PDB file of N, CA and C in Angstrom:
ATOM      1  N   MET A   1       0.831  -1.177   0.000  1.00  0.00           N
ATOM      2  CA  MET A   1       0.000   0.000   0.000  1.00  0.00           C
ATOM      3  C   MET A   1       0.876   1.240   0.000  1.00  0.00           C
ATOM      4  N   ARG A   2       0.495   2.218  -0.788  1.00  0.00           N
ATOM      5  CA  ARG A   2       1.248   3.455  -0.886  1.00  0.00           C
ATOM      6  C   ARG A   2       1.020   4.304   0.368  1.00  0.00           C
ATOM      7  N   GLN A   3       2.100   4.814   0.924  1.00  0.00           N
ATOM      8  CA  GLN A   3       2.025   5.682   2.090  1.00  0.00           C
ATOM      9  C   GLN A   3       1.597   7.081   1.632  1.00  0.00           C
ATOM     10  N   PRO A   4       0.642   7.713   2.331  1.00  0.00           N
ATOM     11  CA  PRO A   4       0.208   9.038   1.896  1.00  0.00           C
ATOM     12  C   PRO A   4       1.257  10.120   2.131  1.00  0.00           C
ATOM     13  N   PHE A   5       2.125   9.917   3.114  1.00  0.00           N
ATOM     14  CA  PHE A   5       3.122  10.928   3.437  1.00  0.00           C
ATOM     15  C   PHE A   5       4.491  10.473   2.969  1.00  0.00           C
ATOM     16  N   ALA A   6       5.307  11.429   2.605  1.00  0.00           N
ATOM     17  CA  ALA A   6       6.648  11.119   2.112  1.00  0.00           C
ATOM     18  C   ALA A   6       7.472  10.432   3.204  1.00  0.00           C
ATOM     19  N   PRO A   7       8.349   9.514   2.793  1.00  0.00           N
ATOM     20  CA  PRO A   7       9.227   8.882   3.787  1.00  0.00           C
ATOM     21  C   PRO A   7      10.196   9.930   4.348  1.00  0.00           C
ATOM     22  N   PRO A   8      10.739   9.670   5.518  1.00  0.00           N
ATOM     23  CA  PRO A   8      11.644  10.666   6.109  1.00  0.00           C
ATOM     24  C   PRO A   8      12.920  10.828   5.290  1.00  0.00           C
ATOM     25  N   THR A   9      13.383  12.059   5.244  1.00  0.00           N
ATOM     26  CA  THR A   9      14.664  12.350   4.597  1.00  0.00           C
ATOM     27  C   THR A   9      15.775  11.895   5.543  1.00  0.00           C
ATOM     28  N   PRO A  10      17.000  11.811   5.053  1.00  0.00           N
ATOM     29  CA  PRO A  10      18.111  11.452   5.957  1.00  0.00           C
ATOM     30  C   PRO A  10      18.225  12.417   7.150  1.00  0.00           C
ATOM     31  N   GLU A  11      18.006  13.701   6.895  1.00  0.00           N
ATOM     32  CA  GLU A  11      18.067  14.691   7.973  1.00  0.00           C
ATOM     33  C   GLU A  11      16.953  14.454   8.999  1.00  0.00           C
ATOM     34  N   GLN A  12      15.760  14.143   8.506  1.00  0.00           N
ATOM     35  CA  GLN A  12      14.647  13.874   9.411  1.00  0.00           C
ATOM     36  C   GLN A  12      14.907  12.610  10.234  1.00  0.00           C
ATOM     37  N   LYS A  13      15.518  11.604   9.637  1.00  0.00           N
ATOM     38  CA  LYS A  13      15.833  10.378  10.371  1.00  0.00           C
ATOM     39  C   LYS A  13      16.772  10.679  11.537  1.00  0.00           C
ATOM     40  N   ILE A  14      17.768  11.520  11.297  1.00  0.00           N
ATOM     41  CA  ILE A  14      18.696  11.899  12.362  1.00  0.00           C
ATOM     42  C   ILE A  14      17.952  12.673  13.446  1.00  0.00           C
ATOM     43  N   HIS A  15      17.130  13.610  13.024  1.00  0.00           N
ATOM     44  CA  HIS A  15      16.343  14.416  13.964  1.00  0.00           C
ATOM     45  C   HIS A  15      15.433  13.517  14.802  1.00  0.00           C
ATOM     46  N   LEU A  16      14.772  12.562  14.167  1.00  0.00           N
ATOM     47  CA  LEU A  16      13.910  11.627  14.893  1.00  0.00           C
ATOM     48  C   LEU A  16      14.697  10.802  15.903  1.00  0.00           C
ATOM     49  N   ALA A  17      15.890  10.366  15.520  1.00  0.00           N
ATOM     50  CA  ALA A  17      16.714   9.571  16.438  1.00  0.00           C
ATOM     51  C   ALA A  17      17.087  10.386  17.677  1.00  0.00           C
ATOM     52  N   VAL A  18      17.426  11.655  17.478  1.00  0.00           N
ATOM     53  CA  VAL A  18      17.767  12.534  18.606  1.00  0.00           C
ATOM     54  C   VAL A  18      16.542  12.747  19.484  1.00  0.00           C
ATOM     55  N   LEU A  19      15.393  12.987  18.863  1.00  0.00           N
ATOM     56  CA  LEU A  19      14.159  13.186  19.626  1.00  0.00           C
ATOM     57  C   LEU A  19      13.771  11.927  20.394  1.00  0.00           C
ATOM     58  N   LYS A  20      13.986  10.773  19.782  1.00  0.00           N
ATOM     59  CA  LYS A  20      13.685   9.499  20.460  1.00  0.00           C
ATOM     60  C   LYS A  20      14.488   9.387  21.748  1.00  0.00           C
ATOM     61  N   ILE A  21      15.765   9.744  21.688  1.00  0.00           N
ATOM     62  CA  ILE A  21      16.615   9.683  22.875  1.00  0.00           C
ATOM     63  C   ILE A  21      16.122  10.665  23.928  1.00  0.00           C
ATOM     64  N   LYS A  22      15.832  11.900  23.517  1.00  0.00           N
ATOM     65  CA  LYS A  22      15.367  12.917  24.472  1.00  0.00           C
ATOM     66  C   LYS A  22      14.044  12.509  25.122  1.00  0.00           C
ATOM     67  N   LEU A  23      13.136  11.941  24.334  1.00  0.00           N
ATOM     68  CA  LEU A  23      11.847  11.516  24.884  1.00  0.00           C
ATOM     69  C   LEU A  23      12.002  10.325  25.831  1.00  0.00           C
ATOM     70  N   SER A  24      12.962   9.470  25.555  1.00  0.00           N
ATOM     71  CA  SER A  24      13.171   8.308  26.427  1.00  0.00           C
ATOM     72  C   SER A  24      13.795   8.712  27.757  1.00  0.00           C
ATOM     73  N   GLU A  25      14.346   9.923  27.834  1.00  0.00           N
ATOM     74  CA  GLU A  25      14.940  10.412  29.077  1.00  0.00           C
ATOM     75  C   GLU A  25      13.908  11.074  29.985  1.00  0.00           C
ATOM     76  N   LEU A  26      12.721  11.377  29.455  1.00  0.00           N
ATOM     77  CA  LEU A  26      11.668  11.984  30.260  1.00  0.00           C
ATOM     78  C   LEU A  26      11.021  10.915  31.137  1.00  0.00           C
ATOM     79  N   GLU A  27      10.353  11.365  32.170  1.00  0.00           N
ATOM     80  CA  GLU A  27       9.583  10.443  33.010  1.00  0.00           C
ATOM     81  C   GLU A  27       8.106  10.731  32.820  1.00  0.00           C
ATOM     82  N   PRO A  28       7.279   9.794  32.513  1.00  0.00           N
ATOM     83  CA  PRO A  28       7.641   8.413  32.203  1.00  0.00           C
ATOM     84  C   PRO A  28       8.295   8.318  30.825  1.00  0.00           C
ATOM     85  N   LYS A  29       9.088   7.301  30.659  1.00  0.00           N
ATOM     86  CA  LYS A  29       9.811   7.107  29.401  1.00  0.00           C
ATOM     87  C   LYS A  29       8.822   6.910  28.250  1.00  0.00           C
ATOM     88  N   PHE A  30       9.214   7.402  27.090  1.00  0.00           N
ATOM     89  CA  PHE A  30       8.349   7.322  25.917  1.00  0.00           C
ATOM     90  C   PHE A  30       9.200   6.918  24.736  1.00  0.00           C
ATOM     91  N   ASN A  31       8.798   5.868  24.026  1.00  0.00           N
ATOM     92  CA  ASN A  31       9.531   5.405  22.852  1.00  0.00           C
ATOM     93  C   ASN A  31       8.821   5.906  21.602  1.00  0.00           C
ATOM     94  N   LEU A  32       9.429   6.883  20.962  1.00  0.00           N
ATOM     95  CA  LEU A  32       8.840   7.512  19.783  1.00  0.00           C
ATOM     96  C   LEU A  32       8.620   6.514  18.656  1.00  0.00           C
ATOM     97  N   PHE A  33       9.576   5.619  18.440  1.00  0.00           N
ATOM     98  CA  PHE A  33       9.452   4.679  17.327  1.00  0.00           C
ATOM     99  C   PHE A  33       8.354   3.643  17.571  1.00  0.00           C
ATOM    100  N   VAL A  34       8.192   3.216  18.817  1.00  0.00           N
ATOM    101  CA  VAL A  34       7.091   2.303  19.134  1.00  0.00           C
ATOM    102  C   VAL A  34       5.762   3.005  18.866  1.00  0.00           C
ATOM    103  N   TYR A  35       5.680   4.269  19.250  1.00  0.00           N
ATOM    104  CA  TYR A  35       4.452   5.029  19.005  1.00  0.00           C
ATOM    105  C   TYR A  35       4.155   5.100  17.503  1.00  0.00           C
ATOM    106  N   MET A  36       5.176   5.414  16.700  1.00  0.00           N
ATOM    107  CA  MET A  36       4.975   5.517  15.256  1.00  0.00           C
ATOM    108  C   MET A  36       4.550   4.172  14.662  1.00  0.00           C
ATOM    109  N   GLN A  37       5.103   3.074  15.180  1.00  0.00           N
ATOM    110  CA  GLN A  37       4.714   1.738  14.715  1.00  0.00           C
ATOM    111  C   GLN A  37       3.246   1.453  15.042  1.00  0.00           C
ATOM    112  N   ARG A  38       2.810   1.871  16.225  1.00  0.00           N
ATOM    113  CA  ARG A  38       1.404   1.659  16.609  1.00  0.00           C
ATOM    114  C   ARG A  38       0.471   2.456  15.705  1.00  0.00           C
ATOM    115  N   VAL A  39       0.842   3.692  15.399  1.00  0.00           N
ATOM    116  CA  VAL A  39       0.020   4.502  14.484  1.00  0.00           C
ATOM    117  C   VAL A  39      -0.061   3.786  13.145  1.00  0.00           C
ATOM    118  N   ASN A  40       1.064   3.277  12.668  1.00  0.00           N
ATOM    119  CA  ASN A  40       1.081   2.560  11.394  1.00  0.00           C
ATOM    120  C   ASN A  40       0.184   1.331  11.452  1.00  0.00           C
ATOM    121  N   LYS A  41       0.208   0.622  12.547  1.00  0.00           N
ATOM    122  CA  LYS A  41      -0.621  -0.583  12.680  1.00  0.00           C
ATOM    123  C   LYS A  41      -2.110  -0.227  12.661  1.00  0.00           C
ATOM    124  N   ILE A  42      -2.471   0.865  13.319  1.00  0.00           N
ATOM    125  CA  ILE A  42      -3.876   1.273  13.394  1.00  0.00           C
ATOM    126  C   ILE A  42      -4.349   1.913  12.084  1.00  0.00           C
ATOM    127  N   LYS A  43      -3.539   2.817  11.545  1.00  0.00           N
ATOM    128  CA  LYS A  43      -3.957   3.598  10.378  1.00  0.00           C
ATOM    129  C   LYS A  43      -3.513   2.991   9.044  1.00  0.00           C
ATOM    130  N   SER A  44      -2.590   2.070   9.084  1.00  0.00           N
ATOM    131  CA  SER A  44      -1.989   1.447   7.895  1.00  0.00           C
ATOM    132  C   SER A  44      -1.051   2.392   7.156  1.00  0.00           C
ATOM    133  N   TYR A  45      -0.601   3.416   7.835  1.00  0.00           N
ATOM    134  CA  TYR A  45       0.448   4.294   7.311  1.00  0.00           C
ATOM    135  C   TYR A  45       1.099   5.013   8.487  1.00  0.00           C
ATOM    136  N   TYR A  46       2.330   5.430   8.245  1.00  0.00           N
ATOM    137  CA  TYR A  46       3.057   6.149   9.291  1.00  0.00           C
ATOM    138  C   TYR A  46       2.565   7.587   9.363  1.00  0.00           C
ATOM    139  N   PRO A  47       2.655   8.198  10.552  1.00  0.00           N
ATOM    140  CA  PRO A  47       2.229   9.586  10.676  1.00  0.00           C
ATOM    141  C   PRO A  47       3.173  10.504   9.898  1.00  0.00           C
ATOM    142  N   PRO A  48       2.714  11.703   9.567  1.00  0.00           N
ATOM    143  CA  PRO A  48       3.585  12.642   8.848  1.00  0.00           C
ATOM    144  C   PRO A  48       4.785  13.032   9.716  1.00  0.00           C
ATOM    145  N   ILE A  49       5.958  12.912   9.151  1.00  0.00           N
ATOM    146  CA  ILE A  49       7.196  13.106   9.907  1.00  0.00           C
ATOM    147  C   ILE A  49       7.302  14.524  10.457  1.00  0.00           C
ATOM    148  N   ASN A  50       6.974  15.526   9.655  1.00  0.00           N
ATOM    149  CA  ASN A  50       7.060  16.902  10.148  1.00  0.00           C
ATOM    150  C   ASN A  50       6.164  17.112  11.358  1.00  0.00           C
ATOM    151  N   SER A  51       4.998  16.515  11.353  1.00  0.00           N
ATOM    152  CA  SER A  51       4.098  16.629  12.500  1.00  0.00           C
ATOM    153  C   SER A  51       4.691  15.956  13.726  1.00  0.00           C
ATOM    154  N   ILE A  52       5.250  14.765  13.546  1.00  0.00           N
ATOM    155  CA  ILE A  52       5.853  14.046  14.660  1.00  0.00           C
ATOM    156  C   ILE A  52       7.000  14.861  15.258  1.00  0.00           C
ATOM    157  N   ILE A  53       7.825  15.443  14.402  1.00  0.00           N
ATOM    158  CA  ILE A  53       8.953  16.248  14.886  1.00  0.00           C
ATOM    159  C   ILE A  53       8.451  17.457  15.675  1.00  0.00           C
ATOM    160  N   THR A  54       7.456  18.153  15.137  1.00  0.00           N
ATOM    161  CA  THR A  54       6.911  19.332  15.811  1.00  0.00           C
ATOM    162  C   THR A  54       6.300  18.955  17.160  1.00  0.00           C
ATOM    163  N   ILE A  55       5.534  17.890  17.171  1.00  0.00           N
ATOM    164  CA  ILE A  55       4.883  17.437  18.411  1.00  0.00           C
ATOM    165  C   ILE A  55       5.941  17.036  19.442  1.00  0.00           C
ATOM    166  N   ALA A  56       6.956  16.307  19.012  1.00  0.00           N
ATOM    167  CA  ALA A  56       8.009  15.858  19.934  1.00  0.00           C
ATOM    168  C   ALA A  56       8.778  17.047  20.503  1.00  0.00           C
ATOM    169  N   GLU A  57       9.125  17.999  19.646  1.00  0.00           N
ATOM    170  CA  GLU A  57       9.856  19.175  20.123  1.00  0.00           C
ATOM    171  C   GLU A  57       9.025  19.961  21.141  1.00  0.00           C
ATOM    172  N   THR A  58       7.730  20.101  20.886  1.00  0.00           N
ATOM    173  CA  THR A  58       6.845  20.808  21.813  1.00  0.00           C
ATOM    174  C   THR A  58       6.734  20.057  23.133  1.00  0.00           C
ATOM    175  N   ALA A  59       6.610  18.741  23.054  1.00  0.00           N
ATOM    176  CA  ALA A  59       6.511  17.922  24.271  1.00  0.00           C
ATOM    177  C   ALA A  59       7.757  18.064  25.128  1.00  0.00           C
ATOM    178  N   ILE A  60       8.912  18.049  24.498  1.00  0.00           N
ATOM    179  CA  ILE A  60      10.176  18.164  25.231  1.00  0.00           C
ATOM    180  C   ILE A  60      10.304  19.571  25.822  1.00  0.00           C
ATOM    181  N   LYS A  61      10.031  20.575  25.013  1.00  0.00           N
ATOM    182  CA  LYS A  61      10.156  21.973  25.456  1.00  0.00           C
ATOM    183  C   LYS A  61       9.246  22.256  26.652  1.00  0.00           C
ATOM    184  N   ASN A  62       8.029  21.743  26.606  1.00  0.00           N
ATOM    185  CA  ASN A  62       7.052  22.012  27.656  1.00  0.00           C
ATOM    186  C   ASN A  62       7.015  20.950  28.737  1.00  0.00           C
ATOM    187  N   ASN A  63       7.971  20.008  28.667  1.00  0.00           N
ATOM    188  CA  ASN A  63       8.083  18.939  29.660  1.00  0.00           C
ATOM    189  C   ASN A  63       6.722  18.263  29.908  1.00  0.00           C
ATOM    190  N   LYS A  64       6.096  17.852  28.818  1.00  0.00           N
ATOM    191  CA  LYS A  64       4.780  17.226  28.898  1.00  0.00           C
ATOM    192  C   LYS A  64       4.861  15.861  29.568  1.00  0.00           C
ATOM    193  N   SER A  65       3.780  15.514  30.221  1.00  0.00           N
ATOM    194  CA  SER A  65       3.662  14.168  30.768  1.00  0.00           C
ATOM    195  C   SER A  65       2.551  13.468  29.989  1.00  0.00           C
ATOM    196  N   ARG A  66       2.317  12.218  30.288  1.00  0.00           N
ATOM    197  CA  ARG A  66       1.307  11.430  29.564  1.00  0.00           C
ATOM    198  C   ARG A  66       1.501  11.590  28.050  1.00  0.00           C
ATOM    199  N   LEU A  67       2.702  11.264  27.628  1.00  0.00           N
ATOM    200  CA  LEU A  67       3.078  11.535  26.245  1.00  0.00           C
ATOM    201  C   LEU A  67       2.258  10.759  25.219  1.00  0.00           C
ATOM    202  N   TRP A  68       1.856   9.537  25.557  1.00  0.00           N
ATOM    203  CA  TRP A  68       1.071   8.759  24.587  1.00  0.00           C
ATOM    204  C   TRP A  68      -0.205   9.520  24.240  1.00  0.00           C
ATOM    205  N   GLY A  69      -0.912   9.989  25.249  1.00  0.00           N
ATOM    206  CA  GLY A  69      -2.131  10.759  25.027  1.00  0.00           C
ATOM    207  C   GLY A  69      -1.846  12.094  24.370  1.00  0.00           C
ATOM    208  N   TYR A  70      -0.763  12.741  24.788  1.00  0.00           N
ATOM    209  CA  TYR A  70      -0.399  14.031  24.191  1.00  0.00           C
ATOM    210  C   TYR A  70      -0.149  13.885  22.693  1.00  0.00           C
ATOM    211  N   PHE A  71       0.659  12.887  22.317  1.00  0.00           N
ATOM    212  CA  PHE A  71       0.941  12.660  20.896  1.00  0.00           C
ATOM    213  C   PHE A  71      -0.343  12.318  20.133  1.00  0.00           C
ATOM    214  N   SER A  72      -1.159  11.457  20.709  1.00  0.00           N
ATOM    215  CA  SER A  72      -2.398  11.043  20.030  1.00  0.00           C
ATOM    216  C   SER A  72      -3.324  12.226  19.789  1.00  0.00           C
ATOM    217  N   ASN A  73      -3.510  13.066  20.806  1.00  0.00           N
ATOM    218  CA  ASN A  73      -4.373  14.243  20.641  1.00  0.00           C
ATOM    219  C   ASN A  73      -3.791  15.230  19.639  1.00  0.00           C
ATOM    220  N   ALA A  74      -2.482  15.446  19.706  1.00  0.00           N
ATOM    221  CA  ALA A  74      -1.845  16.376  18.770  1.00  0.00           C
ATOM    222  C   ALA A  74      -1.947  15.858  17.338  1.00  0.00           C
ATOM    223  N   LEU A  75      -1.786  14.550  17.151  1.00  0.00           N
ATOM    224  CA  LEU A  75      -1.889  13.995  15.795  1.00  0.00           C
ATOM    225  C   LEU A  75      -3.315  14.082  15.260  1.00  0.00           C
ATOM    226  N   LYS A  76      -4.303  13.963  16.136  1.00  0.00           N
ATOM    227  CA  LYS A  76      -5.695  14.111  15.689  1.00  0.00           C
ATOM    228  C   LYS A  76      -5.910  15.480  15.071  1.00  0.00           C
ATOM    229  N   GLU A  77      -5.228  16.483  15.590  1.00  0.00           N
ATOM    230  CA  GLU A  77      -5.321  17.828  15.028  1.00  0.00           C
ATOM    231  C   GLU A  77      -4.479  17.971  13.766  1.00  0.00           C
ATOM    232  N   GLU A  78      -3.345  17.279  13.726  1.00  0.00           N
ATOM    233  CA  GLU A  78      -2.419  17.420  12.606  1.00  0.00           C
ATOM    234  C   GLU A  78      -2.835  16.637  11.359  1.00  0.00           C
ATOM    235  N   PHE A  79      -3.435  15.462  11.530  1.00  0.00           N
ATOM    236  CA  PHE A  79      -3.791  14.639  10.373  1.00  0.00           C
ATOM    237  C   PHE A  79      -4.659  15.394   9.362  1.00  0.00           C
ATOM    238  N   PRO A  80      -5.738  16.062   9.786  1.00  0.00           N
ATOM    239  CA  PRO A  80      -6.549  16.781   8.789  1.00  0.00           C
ATOM    240  C   PRO A  80      -5.752  17.867   8.056  1.00  0.00           C
ATOM    241  N   LYS A  81      -4.856  18.546   8.766  1.00  0.00           N
ATOM    242  CA  LYS A  81      -4.036  19.579   8.128  1.00  0.00           C
ATOM    243  C   LYS A  81      -3.106  18.961   7.092  1.00  0.00           C
ATOM    244  N   GLU A  82      -2.484  17.853   7.463  1.00  0.00           N
ATOM    245  CA  GLU A  82      -1.551  17.189   6.540  1.00  0.00           C
ATOM    246  C   GLU A  82      -2.270  16.654   5.308  1.00  0.00           C
ATOM    247  N   PHE A  83      -3.460  16.060   5.507  1.00  0.00           N
ATOM    248  CA  PHE A  83      -4.214  15.565   4.358  1.00  0.00           C
ATOM    249  C   PHE A  83      -4.690  16.724   3.482  1.00  0.00           C
ATOM    250  N   ALA A  84      -5.062  17.839   4.096  1.00  0.00           N
ATOM    251  CA  ALA A  84      -5.457  19.020   3.317  1.00  0.00           C
ATOM    252  C   ALA A  84      -4.271  19.505   2.493  1.00  0.00           C
ATOM    253  N   ASN A  85      -3.086  19.529   3.090  1.00  0.00           N
ATOM    254  CA  ASN A  85      -1.894  19.929   2.347  1.00  0.00           C
ATOM    255  C   ASN A  85      -1.614  18.982   1.192  1.00  0.00           C
ATOM    256  N   LEU A  86      -1.807  17.677   1.424  1.00  0.00           N
ATOM    257  CA  LEU A  86      -1.623  16.709   0.336  1.00  0.00           C
ATOM    258  C   LEU A  86      -2.593  16.992  -0.809  1.00  0.00           C
ATOM    259  N   ASN A  87      -3.854  17.259  -0.454  1.00  0.00           N
ATOM    260  CA  ASN A  87      -4.852  17.553  -1.483  1.00  0.00           C
ATOM    261  C   ASN A  87      -4.514  18.818  -2.250  1.00  0.00           C
ATOM    262  N   ILE A  88      -4.061  19.850  -1.549  1.00  0.00           N
ATOM    263  CA  ILE A  88      -3.684  21.104  -2.207  1.00  0.00           C
ATOM    264  C   ILE A  88      -2.503  20.867  -3.143  1.00  0.00           C
ATOM    265  N   ASN A  89      -1.493  20.157  -2.642  1.00  0.00           N
ATOM    266  CA  ASN A  89      -0.320  19.880  -3.479  1.00  0.00           C
ATOM    267  C   ASN A  89      -0.686  19.056  -4.704  1.00  0.00           C
ATOM    268  N   GLU A  90      -1.541  18.057  -4.524  1.00  0.00           N
ATOM    269  CA  GLU A  90      -1.956  17.227  -5.656  1.00  0.00           C
ATOM    270  C   GLU A  90      -2.763  18.047  -6.644  1.00  0.00           C
ATOM    271  N   ASN A  91      -3.649  18.884  -6.132  1.00  0.00           N
ATOM    272  CA  ASN A  91      -4.443  19.737  -7.001  1.00  0.00           C
ATOM    273  C   ASN A  91      -3.544  20.688  -7.793  1.00  0.00           C
ATOM    274  N   ASN A  92      -2.559  21.287  -7.136  1.00  0.00           N
ATOM    275  CA  ASN A  92      -1.640  22.189  -7.823  1.00  0.00           C
ATOM    276  C   ASN A  92      -0.828  21.457  -8.882  1.00  0.00           C
ATOM    277  N   GLN A  93      -0.480  20.225  -8.596  1.00  0.00           N
ATOM    278  CA  GLN A  93       0.300  19.433  -9.540  1.00  0.00           C
ATOM    279  C   GLN A  93      -0.488  19.167 -10.827  1.00  0.00           C
ATOM    280  N   PHE A  94      -1.788  18.941 -10.679  1.00  0.00           N
ATOM    281  CA  PHE A  94      -2.598  18.551 -11.824  1.00  0.00           C
ATOM    282  C   PHE A  94      -3.504  19.655 -12.357  1.00  0.00           C
ATOM    283  N   LYS A  95      -3.413  20.878 -11.810  1.00  0.00           N
ATOM    284  CA  LYS A  95      -4.363  21.905 -12.215  1.00  0.00           C
ATOM    285  C   LYS A  95      -4.214  22.318 -13.681  1.00  0.00           C
ATOM    286  N   ASN A  96      -3.051  22.109 -14.244  1.00  0.00           N
ATOM    287  CA  ASN A  96      -2.865  22.455 -15.652  1.00  0.00           C
ATOM    288  C   ASN A  96      -3.131  21.291 -16.597  1.00  0.00           C
ATOM    289  N   GLU A  97      -3.469  20.150 -16.040  1.00  0.00           N
ATOM    290  CA  GLU A  97      -3.786  18.983 -16.856  1.00  0.00           C
ATOM    291  C   GLU A  97      -5.225  19.092 -17.367  1.00  0.00           C
ATOM    292  N   PRO A  98      -5.482  18.615 -18.553  1.00  0.00           N
ATOM    293  CA  PRO A  98      -6.863  18.647 -19.051  1.00  0.00           C
ATOM    294  C   PRO A  98      -7.745  17.709 -18.237  1.00  0.00           C
ATOM    295  N   THR A  99      -8.946  18.159 -17.937  1.00  0.00           N
ATOM    296  CA  THR A  99      -9.827  17.321 -17.139  1.00  0.00           C
ATOM    297  C   THR A  99     -11.100  16.945 -17.879  1.00  0.00           C
ATOM    298  N   GLY A 100     -11.441  17.672 -18.892  1.00  0.00           N
ATOM    299  CA  GLY A 100     -12.695  17.401 -19.575  1.00  0.00           C
ATOM    300  C   GLY A 100     -12.548  16.388 -20.689  1.00  0.00           C
ATOM    301  N   MET A 101     -13.629  15.689 -20.983  1.00  0.00           N
ATOM    302  CA  MET A 101     -13.636  14.706 -22.063  1.00  0.00           C
ATOM    303  C   MET A 101     -13.355  15.387 -23.401  1.00  0.00           C
ATOM    304  N   LYS A 102     -13.861  16.588 -23.574  1.00  0.00           N
ATOM    305  CA  LYS A 102     -13.627  17.320 -24.817  1.00  0.00           C
ATOM    306  C   LYS A 102     -12.129  17.505 -25.048  1.00  0.00           C
ATOM    307  N   GLU A 103     -11.402  17.872 -24.000  1.00  0.00           N
ATOM    308  CA  GLU A 103      -9.957  18.064 -24.120  1.00  0.00           C
ATOM    309  C   GLU A 103      -9.259  16.738 -24.404  1.00  0.00           C
ATOM    310  N   ILE A 104      -9.694  15.677 -23.768  1.00  0.00           N
ATOM    311  CA  ILE A 104      -9.092  14.360 -24.002  1.00  0.00           C
ATOM    312  C   ILE A 104      -9.307  13.946 -25.454  1.00  0.00           C
ATOM    313  N   MET A 105     -10.537  14.122 -25.945  1.00  0.00           N
ATOM    314  CA  MET A 105     -10.832  13.744 -27.329  1.00  0.00           C
ATOM    315  C   MET A 105     -10.056  14.616 -28.313  1.00  0.00           C
ATOM    316  N   ARG A 106      -9.897  15.888 -27.985  1.00  0.00           N
ATOM    317  CA  ARG A 106      -9.136  16.779 -28.851  1.00  0.00           C
ATOM    318  C   ARG A 106      -7.704  16.303 -28.960  1.00  0.00           C
ATOM    319  N   ARG A 107      -7.124  15.874 -27.849  1.00  0.00           N
ATOM    320  CA  ARG A 107      -5.735  15.399 -27.870  1.00  0.00           C
ATOM    321  C   ARG A 107      -5.610  14.097 -28.643  1.00  0.00           C
ATOM    322  N   ILE A 108      -6.606  13.231 -28.555  1.00  0.00           N
ATOM    323  CA  ILE A 108      -6.569  11.958 -29.271  1.00  0.00           C
ATOM    324  C   ILE A 108      -6.642  12.207 -30.769  1.00  0.00           C
ATOM    325  N   GLY A 109      -7.426  13.212 -31.152  1.00  0.00           N
ATOM    326  CA  GLY A 109      -7.620  13.502 -32.561  1.00  0.00           C
ATOM    327  C   GLY A 109      -6.438  14.147 -33.240  1.00  0.00           C
ATOM    328  N   ARG A 110      -5.393  14.480 -32.530  1.00  0.00           N
ATOM    329  CA  ARG A 110      -4.225  15.133 -33.138  1.00  0.00           C
ATOM    330  C   ARG A 110      -3.521  14.263 -34.099  1.00  0.00           C
TER     331      ARG A 110
END
């Protein structure tokens, strides 16, 4: 199955690894990668990496507790934004493509 969000870049992978260590040092300990695996198991795709990074940085900065719930609630807010961005990007990518049957037939008739 195709993942809706882009895979992490090498830079994002490094950033995630650093965040994983920082989150595991908080009390109670939180494993970022286990959380991402659970999201993948439930949703059948990994969460958007930029959202995960932003949420993790905010959690660390604000010394959040109950991180599982914090991440879950934050992702509930982020998923619609990320999907909207995907739709906008896809629409922009194809906005100059012909969409009508008349245009398709015109191109075939060339």
